[in-house]
C-alpha atoms as a PDB file:
ATOM      1  CA  UNK A   1      43.343   2.865  15.780  1.00  0.00           C
ATOM      2  CA  UNK A   2      44.136   1.804  12.455  1.00  0.00           C
ATOM      3  CA  UNK A   3      41.661  -0.593  11.515  1.00  0.00           C
ATOM      4  CA  UNK A   4      38.475   1.829  12.802  1.00  0.00           C
ATOM      5  CA  UNK A   5      40.477   3.960  10.623  1.00  0.00           C
ATOM      6  CA  UNK A   6      40.438   1.429   7.121  1.00  0.00           C
ATOM      7  CA  UNK A   7      36.849   0.787   8.300  1.00  0.00           C
ATOM      8  CA  UNK A   8      35.610   3.638   7.984  1.00  0.00           C
ATOM      9  CA  UNK A   9      37.285   4.257   4.755  1.00  0.00           C
ATOM     10  CA  UNK A  10      36.362   1.075   3.001  1.00  0.00           C
ATOM     11  CA  UNK A  11      32.426   1.765   3.597  1.00  0.00           C
ATOM     12  CA  UNK A  12      32.821   5.377   2.731  1.00  0.00           C
ATOM     13  CA  UNK A  13      30.109   4.835  -0.502  1.00  0.00           C
ATOM     14  CA  UNK A  14      27.337   3.622  -1.611  1.00  0.00           C
ATOM     15  CA  UNK A  15      26.166   2.362  -5.097  1.00  0.00           C
ATOM     16  CA  UNK A  16      22.588   2.919  -5.806  1.00  0.00           C
ATOM     17  CA  UNK A  17      20.237   1.843  -8.863  1.00  0.00           C
ATOM     18  CA  UNK A  18      17.753   3.518  -9.295  1.00  0.00           C
ATOM     19  CA  UNK A  19      14.474   0.733 -10.558  1.00  0.00           C
ATOM     20  CA  UNK A  20      11.116   1.955 -11.363  1.00  0.00           C
ATOM     21  CA  UNK A  21       9.955   4.484 -12.253  1.00  0.00           C
ATOM     22  CA  UNK A  22       8.349   7.257 -10.073  1.00  0.00           C
ATOM     23  CA  UNK A  23       5.429   8.643 -12.472  1.00  0.00           C
ATOM     24  CA  UNK A  24       2.595   7.667 -10.179  1.00  0.00           C
ATOM     25  CA  UNK A  25       4.719   8.251  -7.164  1.00  0.00           C
ATOM     26  CA  UNK A  26       3.687  11.295  -5.520  1.00  0.00           C
ATOM     27  CA  UNK A  27       6.049  14.383  -5.677  1.00  0.00           C
ATOM     28  CA  UNK A  28       7.441  13.721  -2.652  1.00  0.00           C
ATOM     29  CA  UNK A  29       8.943  10.475  -4.184  1.00  0.00           C
ATOM     30  CA  UNK A  30      10.443  12.521  -6.782  1.00  0.00           C
ATOM     31  CA  UNK A  31      11.979  14.394  -5.031  1.00  0.00           C
ATOM     32  CA  UNK A  32      13.768  12.382  -3.142  1.00  0.00           C
ATOM     33  CA  UNK A  33      14.900  10.689  -6.249  1.00  0.00           C
ATOM     34  CA  UNK A  34      16.174  13.971  -7.444  1.00  0.00           C
ATOM     35  CA  UNK A  35      17.874  14.786  -4.625  1.00  0.00           C
ATOM     36  CA  UNK A  36      19.855  12.038  -5.249  1.00  0.00           C
ATOM     37  CA  UNK A  37      21.136  12.302  -8.502  1.00  0.00           C
ATOM     38  CA  UNK A  38      19.724  10.287 -10.448  1.00  0.00           C
ATOM     39  CA  UNK A  39      18.570  11.549 -14.524  1.00  0.00           C
ATOM     40  CA  UNK A  40      17.222   8.086 -15.650  1.00  0.00           C
ATOM     41  CA  UNK A  41      15.880   4.293 -15.211  1.00  0.00           C
ATOM     42  CA  UNK A  42      18.399   1.973 -14.245  1.00  0.00           C
ATOM     43  CA  UNK A  43      21.208   4.442 -13.600  1.00  0.00           C
ATOM     44  CA  UNK A  44      23.895   2.995 -11.253  1.00  0.00           C
ATOM     45  CA  UNK A  45      24.982   6.103  -8.564  1.00  0.00           C
ATOM     46  CA  UNK A  46      28.078   6.483  -6.377  1.00  0.00           C
ATOM     47  CA  UNK A  47      27.246   8.403  -2.843  1.00  0.00           C
ATOM     48  CA  UNK A  48      28.834   8.820   0.267  1.00  0.00           C
ATOM     49  CA  UNK A  49      27.355   6.253   3.003  1.00  0.00           C
ATOM     50  CA  UNK A  50      26.074   9.094   5.362  1.00  0.00           C
ATOM     51  CA  UNK A  51      23.173   9.174   7.437  1.00  0.00           C
ATOM     52  CA  UNK A  52      21.326  11.799   5.282  1.00  0.00           C
ATOM     53  CA  UNK A  53      21.568   9.237   1.853  1.00  0.00           C
ATOM     54  CA  UNK A  54      20.207   6.190   3.642  1.00  0.00           C
ATOM     55  CA  UNK A  55      17.332   8.393   5.495  1.00  0.00           C
ATOM     56  CA  UNK A  56      16.522   9.166   1.730  1.00  0.00           C
ATOM     57  CA  UNK A  57      17.284   5.855   0.276  1.00  0.00           C
ATOM     58  CA  UNK A  58      14.732   4.387   3.204  1.00  0.00           C
ATOM     59  CA  UNK A  59      12.127   6.899   1.830  1.00  0.00           C
ATOM     60  CA  UNK A  60      11.964   5.564  -1.605  1.00  0.00           C
ATOM     61  CA  UNK A  61      12.812   1.762  -0.770  1.00  0.00           C
ATOM     62  CA  UNK A  62      10.174   0.815  -4.098  1.00  0.00           C
ATOM     63  CA  UNK A  63      11.924   3.286  -6.363  1.00  0.00           C
ATOM     64  CA  UNK A  64      15.631   2.493  -5.340  1.00  0.00           C
ATOM     65  CA  UNK A  65      17.474  -0.429  -4.165  1.00  0.00           C
ATOM     66  CA  UNK A  66      21.313  -0.515  -2.853  1.00  0.00           C
ATOM     67  CA  UNK A  67      23.584  -2.357  -5.190  1.00  0.00           C
ATOM     68  CA  UNK A  68      26.603  -3.146  -3.748  1.00  0.00           C
END
């Protein structure tokens, strides 16, 4: 039981990096980048590793990468 709890606690965060500009991207992609919390290019942020965040990253894989 404790191994499961520690495994879930260890994978609770995900590090994301904004790698490409969203200038020529569609408005929906710009909103996803802003919704993730990015404010400037090459910024690395930490978010909870949830299905919602993973889905947002999956929508813009050409703009955002998973660092760690």
